[in-house]
PDB file of N, CA and C in Angstrom:
ATOM      1  N   UNK A   1      82.616-163.830 -56.520  1.00  0.00           N
ATOM      2  CA  UNK A   1      83.137-164.727 -55.521  1.00  0.00           C
ATOM      3  C   UNK A   1      81.975-165.411 -54.823  1.00  0.00           C
ATOM      4  N   UNK A   2      81.994-166.733 -54.756  1.00  0.00           N
ATOM      5  CA  UNK A   2      80.900-167.458 -54.126  1.00  0.00           C
ATOM      6  C   UNK A   2      81.153-167.578 -52.633  1.00  0.00           C
ATOM      7  N   UNK A   3      80.057-167.630 -51.901  1.00  0.00           N
ATOM      8  CA  UNK A   3      80.209-167.774 -50.454  1.00  0.00           C
ATOM      9  C   UNK A   3      80.350-169.252 -50.118  1.00  0.00           C
ATOM     10  N   UNK A   4      81.096-169.536 -49.101  1.00  0.00           N
ATOM     11  CA  UNK A   4      81.296-170.898 -48.637  1.00  0.00           C
ATOM     12  C   UNK A   4      80.526-171.061 -47.345  1.00  0.00           C
ATOM     13  N   UNK A   5      79.665-172.066 -47.317  1.00  0.00           N
ATOM     14  CA  UNK A   5      78.877-172.327 -46.119  1.00  0.00           C
ATOM     15  C   UNK A   5      79.692-173.177 -45.163  1.00  0.00           C
ATOM     16  N   UNK A   6      79.427-173.016 -43.898  1.00  0.00           N
ATOM     17  CA  UNK A   6      80.126-173.803 -42.886  1.00  0.00           C
ATOM     18  C   UNK A   6      79.121-174.621 -42.101  1.00  0.00           C
ATOM     19  N   UNK A   7      79.523-175.788 -41.705  1.00  0.00           N
ATOM     20  CA  UNK A   7      78.745-176.598 -40.791  1.00  0.00           C
ATOM     21  C   UNK A   7      79.712-177.189 -39.790  1.00  0.00           C
ATOM     22  N   UNK A   8      79.191-177.799 -38.765  1.00  0.00           N
ATOM     23  CA  UNK A   8      80.075-178.350 -37.750  1.00  0.00           C
ATOM     24  C   UNK A   8      80.039-179.861 -37.792  1.00  0.00           C
ATOM     25  N   UNK A   9      81.151-180.438 -37.445  1.00  0.00           N
ATOM     26  CA  UNK A   9      81.243-181.890 -37.303  1.00  0.00           C
ATOM     27  C   UNK A   9      81.902-182.171 -35.975  1.00  0.00           C
ATOM     28  N   UNK A  10      81.580-183.316 -35.416  1.00  0.00           N
ATOM     29  CA  UNK A  10      82.192-183.672 -34.143  1.00  0.00           C
ATOM     30  C   UNK A  10      83.530-184.335 -34.416  1.00  0.00           C
ATOM     31  N   UNK A  11      84.535-183.877 -33.698  1.00  0.00           N
ATOM     32  CA  UNK A  11      85.881-184.395 -33.857  1.00  0.00           C
ATOM     33  C   UNK A  11      86.511-184.473 -32.476  1.00  0.00           C
ATOM     34  N   UNK A  12      86.658-185.683 -31.960  1.00  0.00           N
ATOM     35  CA  UNK A  12      87.261-185.882 -30.644  1.00  0.00           C
ATOM     36  C   UNK A  12      86.584-185.020 -29.583  1.00  0.00           C
ATOM     37  N   UNK A  13      85.275-185.119 -29.499  1.00  0.00           N
ATOM     38  CA  UNK A  13      84.461-184.390 -28.533  1.00  0.00           C
ATOM     39  C   UNK A  13      84.540-182.871 -28.675  1.00  0.00           C
ATOM     40  N   UNK A  14      84.982-182.394 -29.825  1.00  0.00           N
ATOM     41  CA  UNK A  14      85.000-180.953 -30.087  1.00  0.00           C
ATOM     42  C   UNK A  14      84.199-180.698 -31.355  1.00  0.00           C
ATOM     43  N   UNK A  15      83.580-179.547 -31.418  1.00  0.00           N
ATOM     44  CA  UNK A  15      82.849-179.182 -32.626  1.00  0.00           C
ATOM     45  C   UNK A  15      83.657-178.097 -33.308  1.00  0.00           C
ATOM     46  N   UNK A  16      83.962-178.347 -34.578  1.00  0.00           N
ATOM     47  CA  UNK A  16      84.737-177.367 -35.321  1.00  0.00           C
ATOM     48  C   UNK A  16      84.098-177.135 -36.677  1.00  0.00           C
ATOM     49  N   UNK A  17      84.162-175.902 -37.200  1.00  0.00           N
ATOM     50  CA  UNK A  17      83.565-175.611 -38.501  1.00  0.00           C
ATOM     51  C   UNK A  17      84.357-176.272 -39.623  1.00  0.00           C
ATOM     52  N   UNK A  18      83.622-176.736 -40.613  1.00  0.00           N
ATOM     53  CA  UNK A  18      84.245-177.378 -41.765  1.00  0.00           C
ATOM     54  C   UNK A  18      83.636-176.773 -43.020  1.00  0.00           C
ATOM     55  N   UNK A  19      84.467-176.384 -43.962  1.00  0.00           N
ATOM     56  CA  UNK A  19      83.985-175.859 -45.231  1.00  0.00           C
ATOM     57  C   UNK A  19      83.546-177.016 -46.114  1.00  0.00           C
ATOM     58  N   UNK A  20      82.353-176.930 -46.648  1.00  0.00           N
ATOM     59  CA  UNK A  20      81.886-177.950 -47.577  1.00  0.00           C
ATOM     60  C   UNK A  20      80.809-177.366 -48.482  1.00  0.00           C
ATOM     61  N   UNK A  21      81.192-176.512 -49.433  1.00  0.00           N
ATOM     62  CA  UNK A  21      80.189-175.854 -50.264  1.00  0.00           C
ATOM     63  C   UNK A  21      79.351-176.824 -51.087  1.00  0.00           C
ATOM     64  N   UNK A  22      79.939-177.913 -51.579  1.00  0.00           N
ATOM     65  CA  UNK A  22      79.170-178.861 -52.388  1.00  0.00           C
ATOM     66  C   UNK A  22      78.109-179.552 -51.550  1.00  0.00           C
ATOM     67  N   UNK A  23      78.469-179.933 -50.325  1.00  0.00           N
ATOM     68  CA  UNK A  23      77.515-180.631 -49.461  1.00  0.00           C
ATOM     69  C   UNK A  23      76.363-179.721 -49.060  1.00  0.00           C
ATOM     70  N   UNK A  24      76.632-178.461 -48.819  1.00  0.00           N
ATOM     71  CA  UNK A  24      75.573-177.554 -48.380  1.00  0.00           C
ATOM     72  C   UNK A  24      74.614-177.228 -49.512  1.00  0.00           C
ATOM     73  N   UNK A  25      75.027-177.431 -50.742  1.00  0.00           N
ATOM     74  CA  UNK A  25      74.145-177.160 -51.864  1.00  0.00           C
ATOM     75  C   UNK A  25      73.460-178.414 -52.375  1.00  0.00           C
ATOM     76  N   UNK A  26      73.805-179.566 -51.853  1.00  0.00           N
ATOM     77  CA  UNK A  26      73.199-180.807 -52.318  1.00  0.00           C
ATOM     78  C   UNK A  26      71.771-180.927 -51.796  1.00  0.00           C
ATOM     79  N   UNK A  27      70.984-181.673 -52.508  1.00  0.00           N
ATOM     80  CA  UNK A  27      69.614-181.914 -52.070  1.00  0.00           C
ATOM     81  C   UNK A  27      69.608-182.590 -50.714  1.00  0.00           C
ATOM     82  N   UNK A  28      70.492-183.559 -50.550  1.00  0.00           N
ATOM     83  CA  UNK A  28      70.598-184.272 -49.277  1.00  0.00           C
ATOM     84  C   UNK A  28      70.946-183.306 -48.144  1.00  0.00           C
ATOM     85  N   UNK A  29      71.901-182.418 -48.390  1.00  0.00           N
ATOM     86  CA  UNK A  29      72.297-181.441 -47.382  1.00  0.00           C
ATOM     87  C   UNK A  29      71.153-180.509 -47.016  1.00  0.00           C
ATOM     88  N   UNK A  30      70.387-180.106 -48.013  1.00  0.00           N
ATOM     89  CA  UNK A  30      69.235-179.234 -47.759  1.00  0.00           C
ATOM     90  C   UNK A  30      68.191-179.944 -46.908  1.00  0.00           C
ATOM     91  N   UNK A  31      67.941-181.213 -47.209  1.00  0.00           N
ATOM     92  CA  UNK A  31      66.955-181.978 -46.431  1.00  0.00           C
ATOM     93  C   UNK A  31      67.446-182.164 -45.001  1.00  0.00           C
ATOM     94  N   UNK A  32      68.728-182.489 -44.855  1.00  0.00           N
ATOM     95  CA  UNK A  32      69.277-182.676 -43.507  1.00  0.00           C
ATOM     96  C   UNK A  32      69.142-181.405 -42.683  1.00  0.00           C
ATOM     97  N   UNK A  33      69.474-180.259 -43.263  1.00  0.00           N
ATOM     98  CA  UNK A  33      69.351-178.984 -42.542  1.00  0.00           C
ATOM     99  C   UNK A  33      67.900-178.672 -42.228  1.00  0.00           C
ATOM    100  N   UNK A  34      66.999-178.934 -43.177  1.00  0.00           N
ATOM    101  CA  UNK A  34      65.578-178.665 -42.948  1.00  0.00           C
ATOM    102  C   UNK A  34      65.041-179.527 -41.813  1.00  0.00           C
ATOM    103  N   UNK A  35      65.454-180.779 -41.760  1.00  0.00           N
ATOM    104  CA  UNK A  35      64.981-181.663 -40.696  1.00  0.00           C
ATOM    105  C   UNK A  35      65.557-181.248 -39.347  1.00  0.00           C
ATOM    106  N   UNK A  36      66.823-180.846 -39.330  1.00  0.00           N
ATOM    107  CA  UNK A  36      67.419-180.359 -38.082  1.00  0.00           C
ATOM    108  C   UNK A  36      66.657-179.133 -37.584  1.00  0.00           C
ATOM    109  N   UNK A  37      66.337-178.219 -38.499  1.00  0.00           N
ATOM    110  CA  UNK A  37      65.562-177.028 -38.126  1.00  0.00           C
ATOM    111  C   UNK A  37      64.184-177.409 -37.601  1.00  0.00           C
ATOM    112  N   UNK A  38      63.531-178.342 -38.285  1.00  0.00           N
ATOM    113  CA  UNK A  38      62.200-178.783 -37.874  1.00  0.00           C
ATOM    114  C   UNK A  38      62.237-179.350 -36.462  1.00  0.00           C
ATOM    115  N   UNK A  39      63.205-180.237 -36.210  1.00  0.00           N
ATOM    116  CA  UNK A  39      63.300-180.843 -34.884  1.00  0.00           C
ATOM    117  C   UNK A  39      63.657-179.818 -33.813  1.00  0.00           C
ATOM    118  N   UNK A  40      64.485-178.845 -34.150  1.00  0.00           N
ATOM    119  CA  UNK A  40      64.832-177.835 -33.147  1.00  0.00           C
ATOM    120  C   UNK A  40      63.622-176.975 -32.794  1.00  0.00           C
ATOM    121  N   UNK A  41      62.719-176.774 -33.745  1.00  0.00           N
ATOM    122  CA  UNK A  41      61.518-175.987 -33.473  1.00  0.00           C
ATOM    123  C   UNK A  41      60.445-176.786 -32.743  1.00  0.00           C
ATOM    124  N   UNK A  42      60.558-178.110 -32.735  1.00  0.00           N
ATOM    125  CA  UNK A  42      59.593-178.922 -31.985  1.00  0.00           C
ATOM    126  C   UNK A  42      59.715-178.682 -30.491  1.00  0.00           C
ATOM    127  N   UNK A  43      60.921-178.354 -30.060  1.00  0.00           N
ATOM    128  CA  UNK A  43      61.164-178.033 -28.652  1.00  0.00           C
ATOM    129  C   UNK A  43      60.619-179.111 -27.719  1.00  0.00           C
ATOM    130  N   UNK A  44      60.902-180.372 -28.062  1.00  0.00           N
ATOM    131  CA  UNK A  44      60.498-181.471 -27.203  1.00  0.00           C
ATOM    132  C   UNK A  44      59.108-182.010 -27.441  1.00  0.00           C
ATOM    133  N   UNK A  45      58.309-181.340 -28.257  1.00  0.00           N
ATOM    134  CA  UNK A  45      56.966-181.827 -28.550  1.00  0.00           C
ATOM    135  C   UNK A  45      57.056-183.049 -29.460  1.00  0.00           C
ATOM    136  N   UNK A  46      56.056-183.895 -29.389  1.00  0.00           N
ATOM    137  CA  UNK A  46      56.030-185.067 -30.258  1.00  0.00           C
ATOM    138  C   UNK A  46      55.411-184.696 -31.602  1.00  0.00           C
ATOM    139  N   UNK A  47      55.729-185.496 -32.593  1.00  0.00           N
ATOM    140  CA  UNK A  47      55.110-185.306 -33.899  1.00  0.00           C
ATOM    141  C   UNK A  47      54.691-186.672 -34.424  1.00  0.00           C
ATOM    142  N   UNK A  48      53.712-186.686 -35.296  1.00  0.00           N
ATOM    143  CA  UNK A  48      53.247-187.928 -35.903  1.00  0.00           C
ATOM    144  C   UNK A  48      53.145-187.725 -37.408  1.00  0.00           C
ATOM    145  N   UNK A  49      53.144-188.801 -38.133  1.00  0.00           N
ATOM    146  CA  UNK A  49      53.012-188.790 -39.594  1.00  0.00           C
ATOM    147  C   UNK A  49      54.070-187.926 -40.274  1.00  0.00           C
ATOM    148  N   UNK A  50      55.266-187.928 -39.712  1.00  0.00           N
ATOM    149  CA  UNK A  50      56.353-187.115 -40.260  1.00  0.00           C
ATOM    150  C   UNK A  50      56.699-187.510 -41.688  1.00  0.00           C
ATOM    151  N   UNK A  51      56.695-188.802 -41.966  1.00  0.00           N
ATOM    152  CA  UNK A  51      57.016-189.277 -43.310  1.00  0.00           C
ATOM    153  C   UNK A  51      56.059-188.671 -44.334  1.00  0.00           C
ATOM    154  N   UNK A  52      54.768-188.730 -44.059  1.00  0.00           N
ATOM    155  CA  UNK A  52      53.768-188.177 -44.977  1.00  0.00           C
ATOM    156  C   UNK A  52      53.909-186.668 -45.098  1.00  0.00           C
ATOM    157  N   UNK A  53      54.185-185.989 -43.998  1.00  0.00           N
ATOM    158  CA  UNK A  53      54.382-184.541 -44.019  1.00  0.00           C
ATOM    159  C   UNK A  53      55.544-184.166 -44.936  1.00  0.00           C
ATOM    160  N   UNK A  54      56.655-184.859 -44.793  1.00  0.00           N
ATOM    161  CA  UNK A  54      57.834-184.560 -45.622  1.00  0.00           C
ATOM    162  C   UNK A  54      57.539-184.835 -47.092  1.00  0.00           C
ATOM    163  N   UNK A  55      56.883-185.952 -47.374  1.00  0.00           N
ATOM    164  CA  UNK A  55      56.552-186.260 -48.769  1.00  0.00           C
ATOM    165  C   UNK A  55      55.691-185.169 -49.389  1.00  0.00           C
ATOM    166  N   UNK A  56      54.689-184.718 -48.660  1.00  0.00           N
ATOM    167  CA  UNK A  56      53.819-183.666 -49.187  1.00  0.00           C
ATOM    168  C   UNK A  56      54.581-182.363 -49.391  1.00  0.00           C
ATOM    169  N   UNK A  57      55.454-182.030 -48.471  1.00  0.00           N
ATOM    170  CA  UNK A  57      56.217-180.788 -48.572  1.00  0.00           C
ATOM    171  C   UNK A  57      57.207-180.817 -49.733  1.00  0.00           C
ATOM    172  N   UNK A  58      57.712-181.995 -50.063  1.00  0.00           N
ATOM    173  CA  UNK A  58      58.707-182.121 -51.128  1.00  0.00           C
ATOM    174  C   UNK A  58      58.048-182.347 -52.489  1.00  0.00           C
ATOM    175  N   UNK A  59      56.964-183.115 -52.504  1.00  0.00           N
ATOM    176  CA  UNK A  59      56.357-183.523 -53.763  1.00  0.00           C
ATOM    177  C   UNK A  59      55.816-182.352 -54.576  1.00  0.00           C
ATOM    178  N   UNK A  60      55.139-181.427 -53.951  1.00  0.00           N
ATOM    179  CA  UNK A  60      54.564-180.287 -54.665  1.00  0.00           C
ATOM    180  C   UNK A  60      55.639-179.464 -55.379  1.00  0.00           C
ATOM    181  N   UNK A  61      56.682-178.986 -54.686  1.00  0.00           N
ATOM    182  CA  UNK A  61      57.695-178.213 -55.407  1.00  0.00           C
ATOM    183  C   UNK A  61      58.485-179.054 -56.417  1.00  0.00           C
ATOM    184  N   UNK A  62      58.638-180.355 -56.141  1.00  0.00           N
ATOM    185  CA  UNK A  62      59.310-181.230 -57.104  1.00  0.00           C
ATOM    186  C   UNK A  62      58.512-181.308 -58.393  1.00  0.00           C
ATOM    187  N   UNK A  63      57.225-181.577 -58.281  1.00  0.00           N
ATOM    188  CA  UNK A  63      56.375-181.661 -59.464  1.00  0.00           C
ATOM    189  C   UNK A  63      56.317-180.326 -60.199  1.00  0.00           C
ATOM    190  N   UNK A  64      56.226-179.246 -59.457  1.00  0.00           N
ATOM    191  CA  UNK A  64      56.197-177.916 -60.066  1.00  0.00           C
ATOM    192  C   UNK A  64      57.473-177.659 -60.867  1.00  0.00           C
ATOM    193  N   UNK A  65      58.613-177.963 -60.277  1.00  0.00           N
ATOM    194  CA  UNK A  65      59.889-177.736 -60.945  1.00  0.00           C
ATOM    195  C   UNK A  65      60.047-178.618 -62.181  1.00  0.00           C
ATOM    196  N   UNK A  66      59.669-179.879 -62.080  1.00  0.00           N
ATOM    197  CA  UNK A  66      59.799-180.790 -63.221  1.00  0.00           C
ATOM    198  C   UNK A  66      58.860-180.378 -64.353  1.00  0.00           C
ATOM    199  N   UNK A  67      57.648-179.992 -64.011  1.00  0.00           N
ATOM    200  CA  UNK A  67      56.712-179.556 -65.058  1.00  0.00           C
ATOM    201  C   UNK A  67      57.207-178.285 -65.739  1.00  0.00           C
ATOM    202  N   UNK A  68      57.787-177.392 -64.972  1.00  0.00           N
ATOM    203  CA  UNK A  68      58.356-176.185 -65.563  1.00  0.00           C
ATOM    204  C   UNK A  68      59.530-176.547 -66.469  1.00  0.00           C
ATOM    205  N   UNK A  69      60.403-177.427 -65.996  1.00  0.00           N
ATOM    206  CA  UNK A  69      61.583-177.838 -66.759  1.00  0.00           C
ATOM    207  C   UNK A  69      61.194-178.516 -68.071  1.00  0.00           C
ATOM    208  N   UNK A  70      60.130-179.323 -68.030  1.00  0.00           N
ATOM    209  CA  UNK A  70      59.691-180.044 -69.226  1.00  0.00           C
ATOM    210  C   UNK A  70      58.661-179.258 -70.036  1.00  0.00           C
ATOM    211  N   UNK A  71      58.420-178.019 -69.640  1.00  0.00           N
ATOM    212  CA  UNK A  71      57.431-177.161 -70.305  1.00  0.00           C
ATOM    213  C   UNK A  71      56.054-177.832 -70.351  1.00  0.00           C
ATOM    214  N   UNK A  72      55.689-178.413 -69.211  1.00  0.00           N
ATOM    215  CA  UNK A  72      54.398-179.079 -69.016  1.00  0.00           C
ATOM    216  C   UNK A  72      54.185-180.298 -69.902  1.00  0.00           C
ATOM    217  N   UNK A  73      55.254-180.893 -70.370  1.00  0.00           N
ATOM    218  CA  UNK A  73      55.156-182.123 -71.155  1.00  0.00           C
ATOM    219  C   UNK A  73      55.077-183.297 -70.174  1.00  0.00           C
ATOM    220  N   UNK A  74      53.888-183.850 -70.030  1.00  0.00           N
ATOM    221  CA  UNK A  74      53.670-184.908 -69.049  1.00  0.00           C
ATOM    222  C   UNK A  74      54.445-186.175 -69.383  1.00  0.00           C
ATOM    223  N   UNK A  75      54.618-186.474 -70.651  1.00  0.00           N
ATOM    224  CA  UNK A  75      55.377-187.670 -71.028  1.00  0.00           C
ATOM    225  C   UNK A  75      56.831-187.540 -70.585  1.00  0.00           C
ATOM    226  N   UNK A  76      57.425-186.378 -70.862  1.00  0.00           N
ATOM    227  CA  UNK A  76      58.816-186.148 -70.448  1.00  0.00           C
ATOM    228  C   UNK A  76      58.929-186.110 -68.928  1.00  0.00           C
ATOM    229  N   UNK A  77      57.960-185.471 -68.282  1.00  0.00           N
ATOM    230  CA  UNK A  77      57.980-185.364 -66.822  1.00  0.00           C
ATOM    231  C   UNK A  77      57.846-186.739 -66.173  1.00  0.00           C
ATOM    232  N   UNK A  78      56.950-187.559 -66.684  1.00  0.00           N
ATOM    233  CA  UNK A  78      56.762-188.882 -66.091  1.00  0.00           C
ATOM    234  C   UNK A  78      58.018-189.733 -66.274  1.00  0.00           C
ATOM    235  N   UNK A  79      58.661-189.601 -67.426  1.00  0.00           N
ATOM    236  CA  UNK A  79      59.909-190.334 -67.648  1.00  0.00           C
ATOM    237  C   UNK A  79      60.998-189.841 -66.700  1.00  0.00           C
ATOM    238  N   UNK A  80      61.108-188.539 -66.560  1.00  0.00           N
ATOM    239  CA  UNK A  80      62.120-187.948 -65.690  1.00  0.00           C
ATOM    240  C   UNK A  80      61.924-188.369 -64.240  1.00  0.00           C
ATOM    241  N   UNK A  81      60.671-188.427 -63.803  1.00  0.00           N
ATOM    242  CA  UNK A  81      60.353-188.765 -62.420  1.00  0.00           C
ATOM    243  C   UNK A  81      60.321-190.273 -62.162  1.00  0.00           C
ATOM    244  N   UNK A  82      60.238-191.056 -63.223  1.00  0.00           N
ATOM    245  CA  UNK A  82      60.127-192.501 -63.050  1.00  0.00           C
ATOM    246  C   UNK A  82      58.728-192.924 -62.634  1.00  0.00           C
ATOM    247  N   UNK A  83      57.741-192.151 -63.050  1.00  0.00           N
ATOM    248  CA  UNK A  83      56.339-192.448 -62.755  1.00  0.00           C
ATOM    249  C   UNK A  83      55.614-192.721 -64.060  1.00  0.00           C
ATOM    250  N   UNK A  84      54.550-193.515 -64.003  1.00  0.00           N
ATOM    251  CA  UNK A  84      53.754-193.630 -65.227  1.00  0.00           C
ATOM    252  C   UNK A  84      52.885-192.383 -65.348  1.00  0.00           C
ATOM    253  N   UNK A  85      52.396-192.115 -66.536  1.00  0.00           N
ATOM    254  CA  UNK A  85      51.663-190.863 -66.771  1.00  0.00           C
ATOM    255  C   UNK A  85      50.398-190.770 -65.938  1.00  0.00           C
ATOM    256  N   UNK A  86      49.732-191.890 -65.716  1.00  0.00           N
ATOM    257  CA  UNK A  86      48.518-191.879 -64.896  1.00  0.00           C
ATOM    258  C   UNK A  86      48.810-191.441 -63.471  1.00  0.00           C
ATOM    259  N   UNK A  87      49.889-191.968 -62.901  1.00  0.00           N
ATOM    260  CA  UNK A  87      50.285-191.581 -61.538  1.00  0.00           C
ATOM    261  C   UNK A  87      50.670-190.111 -61.502  1.00  0.00           C
ATOM    262  N   UNK A  88      51.396-189.669 -62.515  1.00  0.00           N
ATOM    263  CA  UNK A  88      51.779-188.255 -62.576  1.00  0.00           C
ATOM    264  C   UNK A  88      50.540-187.370 -62.625  1.00  0.00           C
ATOM    265  N   UNK A  89      49.587-187.707 -63.496  1.00  0.00           N
ATOM    266  CA  UNK A  89      48.375-186.895 -63.606  1.00  0.00           C
ATOM    267  C   UNK A  89      47.613-186.849 -62.280  1.00  0.00           C
ATOM    268  N   UNK A  90      47.553-187.976 -61.591  1.00  0.00           N
ATOM    269  CA  UNK A  90      46.875-188.031 -60.287  1.00  0.00           C
ATOM    270  C   UNK A  90      47.551-187.081 -59.300  1.00  0.00           C
ATOM    271  N   UNK A  91      48.879-187.093 -59.283  1.00  0.00           N
ATOM    272  CA  UNK A  91      49.620-186.223 -58.370  1.00  0.00           C
ATOM    273  C   UNK A  91      49.491-184.760 -58.779  1.00  0.00           C
ATOM    274  N   UNK A  92      49.484-184.474 -60.064  1.00  0.00           N
ATOM    275  CA  UNK A  92      49.307-183.097 -60.535  1.00  0.00           C
ATOM    276  C   UNK A  92      47.942-182.560 -60.124  1.00  0.00           C
ATOM    277  N   UNK A  93      46.920-183.406 -60.214  1.00  0.00           N
ATOM    278  CA  UNK A  93      45.579-182.992 -59.782  1.00  0.00           C
ATOM    279  C   UNK A  93      45.542-182.772 -58.276  1.00  0.00           C
ATOM    280  N   UNK A  94      46.198-183.662 -57.533  1.00  0.00           N
ATOM    281  CA  UNK A  94      46.231-183.558 -56.077  1.00  0.00           C
ATOM    282  C   UNK A  94      46.777-182.205 -55.618  1.00  0.00           C
ATOM    283  N   UNK A  95      47.797-181.725 -56.311  1.00  0.00           N
ATOM    284  CA  UNK A  95      48.435-180.446 -55.946  1.00  0.00           C
ATOM    285  C   UNK A  95      47.949-179.280 -56.793  1.00  0.00           C
ATOM    286  N   UNK A  96      46.848-179.471 -57.497  1.00  0.00           N
ATOM    287  CA  UNK A  96      46.259-178.419 -58.351  1.00  0.00           C
ATOM    288  C   UNK A  96      47.270-177.863 -59.351  1.00  0.00           C
ATOM    289  N   UNK A  97      48.012-178.750 -59.970  1.00  0.00           N
ATOM    290  CA  UNK A  97      49.005-178.332 -60.954  1.00  0.00           C
ATOM    291  C   UNK A  97      48.562-178.620 -62.378  1.00  0.00           C
ATOM    292  N   UNK A  98      47.347-179.090 -62.539  1.00  0.00           N
ATOM    293  CA  UNK A  98      46.801-179.349 -63.880  1.00  0.00           C
ATOM    294  C   UNK A  98      45.893-178.229 -64.303  1.00  0.00           C
TER     295      UNK A  98
END
């Protein structure tokens, strides 16, 4: 039996739990929850270069997963990612994945 995650939505100035297992497992849902957590931990502090921070945090595990999925085939990985092989190799070196 799979567990169903709950989240809240605003409905007529009330917050009520809503079941949405597909949304909670989506990449978009994971990013939204991660950003909400990040902002809640800021506790009012300012942050800068958030876009670059998020890209770095996502790019490394993305490249790792794609390289594993393609069994380190850079041609397949570059096609899957929509990057040319030179750009892929540069990013792999950047994250010490080569």
